Every structure is written in structure tokens, then in C-alpha cells.
């Protein structure tokens, strides 16, 4: 399990809370260049489907974020979805993305 800074551990906590709030498949959180955090849960509607990470990145960008320092995803999946990773990389090519299980234990960190 990777060692996380306090700020990155907070992202995992926020992602877990977003997932649990509505019983979503995934929860995600990102931190922008000013230290602001944004969290989201998976959205699956007939007209729109977004992963939690895509939505967290979109929330950050729509609030004026120009860079992401880090991201976290809480999921039962063993890998990160390609579109979520692409959303983070669109904003910050090297931001770490921490993957954690529903118990909030980080099992992987994806760099650039």
C-alpha cells in the first residue's frame, strides 16, 4: 500500500464518502492548484453517463481549476477506467491518481 500525504489521504476519504452517499459504483475526488477539493460519484442516467473521476475533474475545471495536484478513486474495480484517467491527464499530465477499495485502502497509484 503506498504511503499517502495527509492531503492525498483526505482525497481518498472524500471519494469514499461520495461513493457511500448514494451507493454509487465509484467515488472520486481531486485537488486543484489552490488546494480546493472536488468530489463526485458515478452518474448513470439514460441521457448521460460519467465516471466519478470524469465528474470530479469536470467540477474542478468548471470552477476555474487549471491544474490538478492529485486525484483519488474509490472503487471495487481493479483498474482505473480509461476515460477517467484521460480527464485527469487533459488537465495535469503527471498528477498521481490513487486507487482505493471500498475500505479506503489504497492498492495502486498511477503516475504519468
N, C-alpha and C. Protein backbone atom coordinates (compact mmCIF):
# COMPACT_ATOMS: atom_id res chain seq x y z
N UNK A 1 0.84 -1.19 0.00
CA UNK A 1 0.00 0.00 0.00
C UNK A 1 0.89 1.25 0.00
N UNK A 2 0.70 2.15 -0.94
CA UNK A 2 1.52 3.36 -1.00
C UNK A 2 1.26 4.27 0.21
N UNK A 3 2.32 4.94 0.66
CA UNK A 3 2.16 5.94 1.72
C UNK A 3 1.60 7.21 1.08
N UNK A 4 0.58 7.77 1.71
CA UNK A 4 -0.05 8.98 1.18
C UNK A 4 0.22 10.15 2.11
N UNK A 5 0.33 11.33 1.51
CA UNK A 5 0.38 12.55 2.30
C UNK A 5 -0.99 12.76 2.95
N UNK A 6 -1.05 13.62 3.93
CA UNK A 6 -2.33 13.91 4.58
C UNK A 6 -3.34 14.46 3.56
N UNK A 7 -2.87 15.28 2.64
CA UNK A 7 -3.77 15.86 1.63
C UNK A 7 -4.32 14.78 0.70
N UNK A 8 -3.48 13.82 0.31
CA UNK A 8 -3.95 12.75 -0.57
C UNK A 8 -4.86 11.77 0.18
N UNK A 9 -4.57 11.53 1.45
CA UNK A 9 -5.44 10.67 2.26
C UNK A 9 -6.83 11.30 2.37
N UNK A 10 -6.88 12.63 2.46
CA UNK A 10 -8.16 13.33 2.50
C UNK A 10 -8.95 13.09 1.21
N UNK A 11 -8.26 13.05 0.07
CA UNK A 11 -8.95 12.77 -1.20
C UNK A 11 -9.61 11.40 -1.17
N UNK A 12 -8.91 10.41 -0.62
CA UNK A 12 -9.48 9.07 -0.53
C UNK A 12 -10.73 9.10 0.36
N UNK A 13 -10.66 9.81 1.47
CA UNK A 13 -11.81 9.92 2.37
C UNK A 13 -12.99 10.59 1.68
N UNK A 14 -12.72 11.66 0.95
CA UNK A 14 -13.80 12.35 0.23
C UNK A 14 -14.40 11.47 -0.87
N UNK A 15 -13.55 10.73 -1.57
CA UNK A 15 -14.03 9.83 -2.63
C UNK A 15 -14.91 8.73 -2.04
N UNK A 16 -14.48 8.19 -0.92
CA UNK A 16 -15.26 7.14 -0.26
C UNK A 16 -16.61 7.68 0.19
N UNK A 17 -16.63 8.89 0.73
CA UNK A 17 -17.88 9.49 1.19
C UNK A 17 -18.83 9.74 0.02
N UNK A 18 -18.29 10.20 -1.12
CA UNK A 18 -19.13 10.45 -2.29
C UNK A 18 -19.77 9.16 -2.78
N UNK A 19 -18.99 8.10 -2.80
CA UNK A 19 -19.50 6.79 -3.22
C UNK A 19 -20.58 6.30 -2.28
N UNK A 20 -20.32 6.39 -0.99
CA UNK A 20 -21.25 5.88 0.00
C UNK A 20 -22.54 6.67 0.11
N UNK A 21 -22.46 7.96 -0.17
CA UNK A 21 -23.63 8.82 -0.02
C UNK A 21 -24.82 8.33 -0.84
N UNK A 22 -24.54 7.84 -2.04
CA UNK A 22 -25.65 7.38 -2.89
C UNK A 22 -25.51 5.92 -3.29
N UNK A 23 -24.53 5.22 -2.74
CA UNK A 23 -24.33 3.82 -3.08
C UNK A 23 -23.87 3.64 -4.52
N UNK A 24 -23.04 4.57 -4.99
CA UNK A 24 -22.57 4.54 -6.38
C UNK A 24 -21.50 3.48 -6.59
N UNK A 25 -21.27 3.17 -7.84
CA UNK A 25 -20.23 2.23 -8.22
C UNK A 25 -18.85 2.76 -7.81
N UNK A 26 -18.62 4.05 -8.02
CA UNK A 26 -17.34 4.67 -7.69
C UNK A 26 -17.55 6.04 -7.07
N UNK A 27 -16.57 6.46 -6.32
CA UNK A 27 -16.48 7.82 -5.83
C UNK A 27 -15.10 8.34 -6.19
N UNK A 28 -14.98 9.62 -6.41
CA UNK A 28 -13.68 10.20 -6.76
C UNK A 28 -13.55 11.58 -6.15
N UNK A 29 -12.32 12.02 -6.00
CA UNK A 29 -12.04 13.37 -5.53
C UNK A 29 -10.75 13.84 -6.18
N UNK A 30 -10.68 15.14 -6.44
CA UNK A 30 -9.47 15.75 -6.99
C UNK A 30 -9.14 17.00 -6.19
N UNK A 31 -7.86 17.38 -6.22
CA UNK A 31 -7.41 18.62 -5.57
C UNK A 31 -6.76 19.49 -6.64
N UNK A 32 -7.16 20.77 -6.68
CA UNK A 32 -6.63 21.67 -7.70
C UNK A 32 -5.39 22.42 -7.21
N UNK A 33 -4.89 23.30 -8.07
CA UNK A 33 -3.66 24.03 -7.79
C UNK A 33 -3.76 24.94 -6.58
N UNK A 34 -4.94 25.28 -6.15
CA UNK A 34 -5.13 26.14 -4.98
C UNK A 34 -5.47 25.36 -3.72
N UNK A 35 -5.48 24.03 -3.83
CA UNK A 35 -5.80 23.19 -2.68
C UNK A 35 -7.28 22.93 -2.49
N UNK A 36 -8.10 23.43 -3.40
CA UNK A 36 -9.54 23.16 -3.32
C UNK A 36 -9.81 21.73 -3.75
N UNK A 37 -10.80 21.11 -3.12
CA UNK A 37 -11.14 19.73 -3.46
C UNK A 37 -12.54 19.65 -4.04
N UNK A 38 -12.71 18.67 -4.91
CA UNK A 38 -13.99 18.42 -5.57
C UNK A 38 -14.21 16.92 -5.54
N UNK A 39 -15.40 16.50 -5.14
CA UNK A 39 -15.68 15.06 -5.15
C UNK A 39 -16.98 14.79 -5.89
N UNK A 40 -17.10 13.55 -6.35
CA UNK A 40 -18.27 13.18 -7.14
C UNK A 40 -18.45 11.68 -7.10
N UNK A 41 -19.62 11.24 -7.49
CA UNK A 41 -19.94 9.82 -7.60
C UNK A 41 -20.31 9.53 -9.05
N UNK A 42 -20.26 8.28 -9.41
CA UNK A 42 -20.64 7.85 -10.75
C UNK A 42 -22.07 8.28 -11.05
N UNK A 43 -22.31 8.74 -12.28
CA UNK A 43 -23.65 9.11 -12.74
C UNK A 43 -23.99 8.22 -13.93
N UNK A 44 -25.10 7.54 -13.84
CA UNK A 44 -25.55 6.68 -14.93
C UNK A 44 -27.04 6.93 -15.16
N UNK A 45 -27.32 7.83 -16.08
CA UNK A 45 -28.69 8.17 -16.47
C UNK A 45 -28.90 7.76 -17.92
N UNK A 46 -30.14 7.65 -18.34
CA UNK A 46 -30.36 7.30 -19.75
C UNK A 46 -29.70 8.28 -20.73
N UNK A 47 -29.61 9.55 -20.35
CA UNK A 47 -29.07 10.54 -21.28
C UNK A 47 -27.60 10.89 -21.05
N UNK A 48 -27.02 10.50 -19.93
CA UNK A 48 -25.62 10.83 -19.66
C UNK A 48 -25.03 9.84 -18.67
N UNK A 49 -23.81 9.42 -18.98
CA UNK A 49 -23.07 8.54 -18.07
C UNK A 49 -21.67 9.10 -17.91
N UNK A 50 -21.27 9.32 -16.66
CA UNK A 50 -19.94 9.82 -16.36
C UNK A 50 -19.36 9.03 -15.20
N UNK A 51 -18.09 8.71 -15.31
CA UNK A 51 -17.43 8.08 -14.17
C UNK A 51 -17.27 9.13 -13.08
N UNK A 52 -17.07 8.67 -11.88
CA UNK A 52 -16.88 9.60 -10.76
C UNK A 52 -15.69 10.51 -11.01
N UNK A 53 -14.61 9.96 -11.56
CA UNK A 53 -13.42 10.78 -11.81
C UNK A 53 -13.67 11.81 -12.90
N UNK A 54 -14.36 11.43 -13.96
CA UNK A 54 -14.70 12.40 -15.00
C UNK A 54 -15.50 13.56 -14.41
N UNK A 55 -16.46 13.25 -13.57
CA UNK A 55 -17.31 14.28 -12.99
C UNK A 55 -16.55 15.16 -12.00
N UNK A 56 -15.66 14.57 -11.21
CA UNK A 56 -14.86 15.36 -10.27
C UNK A 56 -13.94 16.32 -11.03
N UNK A 57 -13.33 15.84 -12.12
CA UNK A 57 -12.48 16.70 -12.94
C UNK A 57 -13.31 17.81 -13.58
N UNK A 58 -14.47 17.47 -14.11
CA UNK A 58 -15.34 18.48 -14.73
C UNK A 58 -15.76 19.53 -13.71
N UNK A 59 -16.07 19.11 -12.49
CA UNK A 59 -16.44 20.07 -11.44
C UNK A 59 -15.28 21.03 -11.14
N UNK A 60 -14.08 20.48 -11.07
CA UNK A 60 -12.91 21.32 -10.80
C UNK A 60 -12.69 22.32 -11.93
N UNK A 61 -12.72 21.84 -13.16
CA UNK A 61 -12.48 22.71 -14.31
C UNK A 61 -13.58 23.77 -14.42
N UNK A 62 -14.83 23.39 -14.17
CA UNK A 62 -15.92 24.37 -14.27
C UNK A 62 -15.86 25.40 -13.15
N UNK A 63 -15.07 25.12 -12.12
CA UNK A 63 -14.88 26.08 -11.03
C UNK A 63 -13.61 26.91 -11.20
N UNK A 64 -12.91 26.69 -12.31
CA UNK A 64 -11.74 27.50 -12.61
C UNK A 64 -10.40 26.83 -12.41
N UNK A 65 -10.38 25.56 -12.07
CA UNK A 65 -9.10 24.87 -11.89
C UNK A 65 -8.37 24.78 -13.23
N UNK A 66 -7.08 25.05 -13.18
CA UNK A 66 -6.24 24.94 -14.38
C UNK A 66 -5.20 23.83 -14.24
N UNK A 67 -5.10 23.27 -13.05
CA UNK A 67 -4.15 22.19 -12.78
C UNK A 67 -4.71 21.33 -11.66
N UNK A 68 -4.42 20.04 -11.70
CA UNK A 68 -4.78 19.14 -10.62
C UNK A 68 -3.50 18.65 -9.96
N UNK A 69 -3.49 18.68 -8.64
CA UNK A 69 -2.32 18.19 -7.90
C UNK A 69 -2.40 16.69 -7.70
N UNK A 70 -3.60 16.14 -7.50
CA UNK A 70 -3.77 14.71 -7.26
C UNK A 70 -5.24 14.35 -7.40
N UNK A 71 -5.48 13.04 -7.53
CA UNK A 71 -6.83 12.52 -7.63
C UNK A 71 -6.90 11.19 -6.89
N UNK A 72 -8.11 10.81 -6.48
CA UNK A 72 -8.32 9.51 -5.85
C UNK A 72 -9.65 8.95 -6.32
N UNK A 73 -9.68 7.63 -6.48
CA UNK A 73 -10.90 6.93 -6.87
C UNK A 73 -11.10 5.77 -5.90
N UNK A 74 -12.30 5.65 -5.36
CA UNK A 74 -12.66 4.50 -4.53
C UNK A 74 -13.60 3.65 -5.37
N UNK A 75 -13.20 2.38 -5.56
CA UNK A 75 -13.90 1.51 -6.49
C UNK A 75 -13.72 0.05 -6.12
N UNK A 76 -14.60 -0.78 -6.62
CA UNK A 76 -14.43 -2.22 -6.49
C UNK A 76 -13.66 -2.79 -7.67
N UNK A 77 -13.47 -1.99 -8.70
CA UNK A 77 -12.72 -2.44 -9.88
C UNK A 77 -11.22 -2.53 -9.55
N UNK A 78 -10.52 -3.32 -10.32
CA UNK A 78 -9.08 -3.48 -10.07
C UNK A 78 -8.23 -2.53 -10.90
N UNK A 79 -8.87 -1.82 -11.83
CA UNK A 79 -8.14 -0.88 -12.68
C UNK A 79 -8.92 0.42 -12.81
N UNK A 80 -8.22 1.43 -13.26
CA UNK A 80 -8.83 2.74 -13.49
C UNK A 80 -9.43 2.78 -14.89
N UNK A 81 -10.63 3.35 -15.00
CA UNK A 81 -11.24 3.45 -16.33
C UNK A 81 -10.46 4.44 -17.20
N UNK A 82 -10.37 4.15 -18.48
CA UNK A 82 -9.56 4.95 -19.40
C UNK A 82 -10.06 6.38 -19.52
N UNK A 83 -11.37 6.59 -19.52
CA UNK A 83 -11.90 7.95 -19.68
C UNK A 83 -11.64 8.81 -18.45
N UNK A 84 -11.70 8.21 -17.27
CA UNK A 84 -11.37 8.96 -16.05
C UNK A 84 -9.92 9.38 -16.05
N UNK A 85 -9.05 8.44 -16.41
CA UNK A 85 -7.61 8.75 -16.49
C UNK A 85 -7.37 9.85 -17.52
N UNK A 86 -8.03 9.75 -18.67
CA UNK A 86 -7.86 10.76 -19.72
C UNK A 86 -8.30 12.14 -19.24
N UNK A 87 -9.37 12.21 -18.47
CA UNK A 87 -9.84 13.50 -17.96
C UNK A 87 -8.80 14.15 -17.07
N UNK A 88 -8.20 13.36 -16.18
CA UNK A 88 -7.13 13.91 -15.32
C UNK A 88 -5.96 14.35 -16.18
N UNK A 89 -5.55 13.53 -17.12
CA UNK A 89 -4.38 13.84 -17.96
C UNK A 89 -4.62 15.05 -18.86
N UNK A 90 -5.87 15.31 -19.23
CA UNK A 90 -6.17 16.51 -20.01
C UNK A 90 -5.79 17.77 -19.25
N UNK A 91 -5.92 17.72 -17.93
CA UNK A 91 -5.66 18.89 -17.10
C UNK A 91 -4.24 18.87 -16.54
N UNK A 92 -3.79 17.71 -16.12
CA UNK A 92 -2.46 17.59 -15.49
C UNK A 92 -1.82 16.26 -15.90
N UNK A 93 -0.88 16.31 -16.81
CA UNK A 93 -0.27 15.08 -17.33
C UNK A 93 0.44 14.20 -16.30
N UNK A 94 0.85 14.75 -15.17
CA UNK A 94 1.61 13.94 -14.22
C UNK A 94 0.98 13.82 -12.84
N UNK A 95 -0.24 14.28 -12.66
CA UNK A 95 -0.87 14.20 -11.33
C UNK A 95 -1.06 12.74 -10.93
N UNK A 96 -0.70 12.36 -9.70
CA UNK A 96 -0.93 10.98 -9.27
C UNK A 96 -2.43 10.72 -9.09
N UNK A 97 -2.83 9.50 -9.45
CA UNK A 97 -4.21 9.06 -9.27
C UNK A 97 -4.15 7.84 -8.36
N UNK A 98 -4.70 7.98 -7.16
CA UNK A 98 -4.68 6.90 -6.18
C UNK A 98 -5.95 6.07 -6.33
N UNK A 99 -5.79 4.75 -6.39
CA UNK A 99 -6.93 3.84 -6.46
C UNK A 99 -7.07 3.14 -5.13
N UNK A 100 -8.28 3.14 -4.59
CA UNK A 100 -8.54 2.50 -3.30
C UNK A 100 -9.80 1.65 -3.40
N UNK A 101 -9.84 0.63 -2.56
CA UNK A 101 -11.03 -0.21 -2.48
C UNK A 101 -12.07 0.44 -1.60
N UNK A 102 -13.24 -0.16 -1.50
CA UNK A 102 -14.31 0.39 -0.67
C UNK A 102 -13.92 0.58 0.80
N UNK A 103 -12.90 -0.15 1.26
CA UNK A 103 -12.41 0.00 2.63
C UNK A 103 -11.44 1.16 2.77
N UNK A 104 -11.20 1.90 1.69
CA UNK A 104 -10.31 3.07 1.63
C UNK A 104 -8.84 2.70 1.65
N UNK A 105 -8.51 1.43 1.49
CA UNK A 105 -7.10 1.04 1.41
C UNK A 105 -6.62 1.22 -0.03
N UNK A 106 -5.57 2.02 -0.17
CA UNK A 106 -5.02 2.31 -1.49
C UNK A 106 -4.27 1.08 -1.99
N UNK A 107 -4.59 0.63 -3.21
CA UNK A 107 -3.91 -0.53 -3.77
C UNK A 107 -3.06 -0.19 -4.97
N UNK A 108 -3.14 1.04 -5.48
CA UNK A 108 -2.31 1.43 -6.61
C UNK A 108 -2.28 2.94 -6.71
N UNK A 109 -1.18 3.45 -7.22
CA UNK A 109 -1.08 4.86 -7.57
C UNK A 109 -0.54 4.93 -8.99
N UNK A 110 -1.27 5.64 -9.83
CA UNK A 110 -0.90 5.77 -11.23
C UNK A 110 -0.27 7.13 -11.43
N UNK A 111 0.96 7.13 -11.91
CA UNK A 111 1.65 8.37 -12.25
C UNK A 111 1.41 8.72 -13.69
N UNK A 112 2.37 9.38 -14.30
CA UNK A 112 2.22 9.76 -15.70
C UNK A 112 2.34 8.54 -16.54
